C-alpha atoms as a PDB file:
ATOM      1  CA  MET A   1     -23.528 -15.951  14.668  1.00  0.00           C
ATOM      2  CA  THR A   2     -20.715 -14.639  12.627  1.00  0.00           C
ATOM      3  CA  VAL A   3     -19.901 -18.003  10.670  1.00  0.00           C
ATOM      4  CA  LYS A   4     -22.564 -19.730   8.729  1.00  0.00           C
ATOM      5  CA  PRO A   5     -22.340 -22.695   6.918  1.00  0.00           C
ATOM      6  CA  PHE A   6     -22.073 -22.683   3.081  1.00  0.00           C
ATOM      7  CA  THR A   7     -24.950 -23.503   0.839  1.00  0.00           C
ATOM      8  CA  PRO A   8     -23.986 -25.940  -1.688  1.00  0.00           C
ATOM      9  CA  ASP A   9     -24.253 -22.974  -4.024  1.00  0.00           C
ATOM     10  CA  GLU A  10     -21.547 -21.230  -2.240  1.00  0.00           C
ATOM     11  CA  ALA A  11     -19.257 -24.127  -1.474  1.00  0.00           C
ATOM     12  CA  LEU A  12     -19.147 -24.918  -5.355  1.00  0.00           C
ATOM     13  CA  GLU A  13     -18.520 -21.298  -5.836  1.00  0.00           C
ATOM     14  CA  ASN A  14     -16.058 -21.156  -3.207  1.00  0.00           C
ATOM     15  CA  LYS A  15     -14.244 -24.177  -4.885  1.00  0.00           C
ATOM     16  CA  LYS A  16     -14.355 -22.549  -8.307  1.00  0.00           C
ATOM     17  CA  ALA A  17     -12.579 -19.288  -6.754  1.00  0.00           C
ATOM     18  CA  TYR A  18     -10.023 -20.933  -4.274  1.00  0.00           C
ATOM     19  CA  GLY A  19     -10.058 -24.759  -4.306  1.00  0.00           C
ATOM     20  CA  ILE A  20      -8.330 -25.491  -7.525  1.00  0.00           C
ATOM     21  CA  PRO A  21      -4.652 -24.276  -7.922  1.00  0.00           C
ATOM     22  CA  LYS A  22      -4.207 -21.955 -10.811  1.00  0.00           C
ATOM     23  CA  GLU A  23      -1.438 -24.350 -12.017  1.00  0.00           C
ATOM     24  CA  VAL A  24      -4.318 -26.969 -12.488  1.00  0.00           C
ATOM     25  CA  ILE A  25      -6.229 -24.273 -14.939  1.00  0.00           C
ATOM     26  CA  GLU A  26      -2.848 -23.541 -16.585  1.00  0.00           C
ATOM     27  CA  ALA A  27      -2.019 -26.993 -17.262  1.00  0.00           C
ATOM     28  CA  VAL A  28      -5.243 -27.728 -18.694  1.00  0.00           C
ATOM     29  CA  ASN A  29      -5.157 -24.507 -20.610  1.00  0.00           C
ATOM     30  CA  GLU A  30      -1.869 -25.309 -22.083  1.00  0.00           C
ATOM     31  CA  LEU A  31      -2.954 -28.889 -23.411  1.00  0.00           C
ATOM     32  CA  LEU A  32      -6.185 -27.440 -24.830  1.00  0.00           C
ATOM     33  CA  THR A  33      -4.044 -24.902 -26.703  1.00  0.00           C
ATOM     34  CA  GLU A  34      -1.470 -27.629 -27.764  1.00  0.00           C
ATOM     35  CA  ASN A  35      -4.431 -29.933 -28.989  1.00  0.00           C
ATOM     36  CA  TYR A  36      -7.702 -28.274 -29.806  1.00  0.00           C
ATOM     37  CA  SER A  37      -8.702 -27.352 -33.611  1.00  0.00           C
ATOM     38  CA  SER A  38     -12.424 -27.802 -33.360  1.00  0.00           C
ATOM     39  CA  GLY A  39     -15.277 -30.019 -32.358  1.00  0.00           C
ATOM     40  CA  SER A  40     -14.434 -31.741 -29.150  1.00  0.00           C
ATOM     41  CA  ILE A  41     -11.129 -32.740 -27.346  1.00  0.00           C
ATOM     42  CA  THR A  42     -10.304 -35.563 -25.181  1.00  0.00           C
ATOM     43  CA  LEU A  43      -7.600 -35.356 -22.710  1.00  0.00           C
ATOM     44  CA  GLY A  44      -6.285 -38.376 -20.772  1.00  0.00           C
ATOM     45  CA  GLN A  45      -6.276 -37.988 -17.001  1.00  0.00           C
ATOM     46  CA  ASN A  46      -2.758 -39.060 -16.891  1.00  0.00           C
ATOM     47  CA  THR A  47      -1.541 -36.311 -19.484  1.00  0.00           C
ATOM     48  CA  VAL A  48      -3.432 -33.915 -17.184  1.00  0.00           C
ATOM     49  CA  MET A  49      -1.938 -35.225 -14.096  1.00  0.00           C
ATOM     50  CA  GLU A  50       1.722 -35.370 -15.528  1.00  0.00           C
ATOM     51  CA  ARG A  51       1.171 -31.423 -16.789  1.00  0.00           C
ATOM     52  CA  VAL A  52      -0.224 -30.464 -13.405  1.00  0.00           C
ATOM     53  CA  LEU A  53       2.527 -32.204 -11.481  1.00  0.00           C
ATOM     54  CA  SER A  54       5.373 -30.696 -13.764  1.00  0.00           C
ATOM     55  CA  LYS A  55       3.794 -27.242 -12.925  1.00  0.00           C
ATOM     56  CA  MET A  56       3.808 -28.194  -9.067  1.00  0.00           C
ATOM     57  CA  PRO A  57       7.148 -29.172  -7.924  1.00  0.00           C
ATOM     58  CA  GLY A  58       6.712 -31.534  -4.472  1.00  0.00           C
ATOM     59  CA  ALA A  59       3.066 -32.094  -5.513  1.00  0.00           C
ATOM     60  CA  THR A  60       2.123 -35.938  -5.781  1.00  0.00           C
ATOM     61  CA  ARG A  61      -0.599 -37.771  -7.380  1.00  0.00           C
ATOM     62  CA  SER A  62      -1.950 -38.823  -4.407  1.00  0.00           C
ATOM     63  CA  LEU A  63      -2.041 -35.212  -3.053  1.00  0.00           C
ATOM     64  CA  VAL A  64      -3.726 -34.139  -6.248  1.00  0.00           C
ATOM     65  CA  PHE A  65      -6.391 -36.475  -5.713  1.00  0.00           C
ATOM     66  CA  ALA A  66      -6.979 -36.216  -2.132  1.00  0.00           C
ATOM     67  CA  ARG A  67      -7.680 -32.237  -2.725  1.00  0.00           C
ATOM     68  CA  LYS A  68      -9.869 -33.002  -5.744  1.00  0.00           C
ATOM     69  CA  TRP A  69      -7.947 -30.980  -7.807  1.00  0.00           C
ATOM     70  CA  LEU A  70      -8.816 -32.536 -11.056  1.00  0.00           C
ATOM     71  CA  ASP A  71     -12.403 -31.790 -10.514  1.00  0.00           C
ATOM     72  CA  PHE A  72     -12.226 -28.654 -12.574  1.00  0.00           C
ATOM     73  CA  GLU A  73     -15.414 -29.215 -14.755  1.00  0.00           C
ATOM     74  CA  PRO A  74     -17.246 -26.392 -13.299  1.00  0.00           C
ATOM     75  CA  ILE A  75     -15.045 -23.824 -13.732  1.00  0.00           C
ATOM     76  CA  PHE A  76     -14.450 -24.832 -17.570  1.00  0.00           C
ATOM     77  CA  GLU A  77     -18.086 -25.135 -17.993  1.00  0.00           C
ATOM     78  CA  ASP A  78     -18.429 -21.366 -16.978  1.00  0.00           C
ATOM     79  CA  PHE A  79     -16.062 -20.443 -19.833  1.00  0.00           C
ATOM     80  CA  GLY A  80     -18.013 -22.114 -22.903  1.00  0.00           C
ATOM     81  CA  TRP A  81     -17.116 -25.719 -22.479  1.00  0.00           C
ATOM     82  CA  ASP A  82     -19.249 -28.912 -21.738  1.00  0.00           C
ATOM     83  CA  VAL A  83     -16.654 -31.336 -19.682  1.00  0.00           C
ATOM     84  CA  ASP A  84     -17.491 -35.088 -19.459  1.00  0.00           C
ATOM     85  CA  TYR A  85     -15.413 -37.154 -17.129  1.00  0.00           C
ATOM     86  CA  ASP A  86     -15.252 -40.631 -18.172  1.00  0.00           C
ATOM     87  CA  LYS A  87     -13.636 -43.376 -15.760  1.00  0.00           C
ATOM     88  CA  PRO A  88     -13.412 -47.144 -15.740  1.00  0.00           C
ATOM     89  CA  GLY A  89     -15.976 -48.931 -13.914  1.00  0.00           C
ATOM     90  CA  TYR A  90     -15.578 -52.035 -12.309  1.00  0.00           C
ATOM     91  CA  CYS A  91     -13.461 -54.645 -14.157  1.00  0.00           C
ATOM     92  CA  GLU A  92     -12.857 -52.002 -16.782  1.00  0.00           C
ATOM     93  CA  THR A  93      -9.294 -51.049 -17.369  1.00  0.00           C
ATOM     94  CA  TYR A  94      -9.056 -47.887 -19.907  1.00  0.00           C
ATOM     95  CA  GLU A  95      -7.542 -44.466 -19.053  1.00  0.00           C
ATOM     96  CA  ALA A  96      -9.876 -42.046 -17.392  1.00  0.00           C
ATOM     97  CA  THR A  97     -10.761 -39.326 -19.657  1.00  0.00           C
ATOM     98  CA  PHE A  98     -11.820 -35.382 -19.988  1.00  0.00           C
ATOM     99  CA  THR A  99     -13.813 -34.599 -22.944  1.00  0.00           C
ATOM    100  CA  PHE A 100     -14.102 -30.741 -23.748  1.00  0.00           C
ATOM    101  CA  THR A 101     -16.890 -29.582 -26.292  1.00  0.00           C
ATOM    102  CA  PRO A 102     -17.891 -26.137 -26.951  1.00  0.00           C
ATOM    103  CA  LYS A 103     -21.239 -25.271 -25.752  1.00  0.00           C
ATOM    104  CA  LYS A 104     -23.569 -23.844 -28.295  1.00  0.00           C
ATOM    105  CA  GLY A 105     -23.584 -20.062 -28.037  1.00  0.00           C
ATOM    106  CA  GLY A 106     -20.122 -19.874 -26.313  1.00  0.00           C
ATOM    107  CA  ARG A 107     -19.110 -18.445 -22.653  1.00  0.00           C
ATOM    108  CA  ARG A 108     -21.784 -18.076 -20.319  1.00  0.00           C
ATOM    109  CA  ALA A 109     -19.677 -16.742 -17.276  1.00  0.00           C
END
């Protein structure tokens, strides 16, 4: 057999390496640079989405969600952040957010 299925770890590593466009990482990096001073920082999902779409002409919200391009938490976690994604539950109406908190001990990767 020349092709074998990915293990869960291989699938995650492949997604980190190839699954999320560089424009998404650039967008989040820009927002962190513009808004971070110390402690935790919370970015609204709509703010992240707007920045991503500004970098990817022709992309749509539907495409970004369908391809799971906002599932970037593991990438940033490998570079010294704890990332918590919070979205409204059933019957809640607030905006989804990403909260970035520096890990104790800094970058792991």
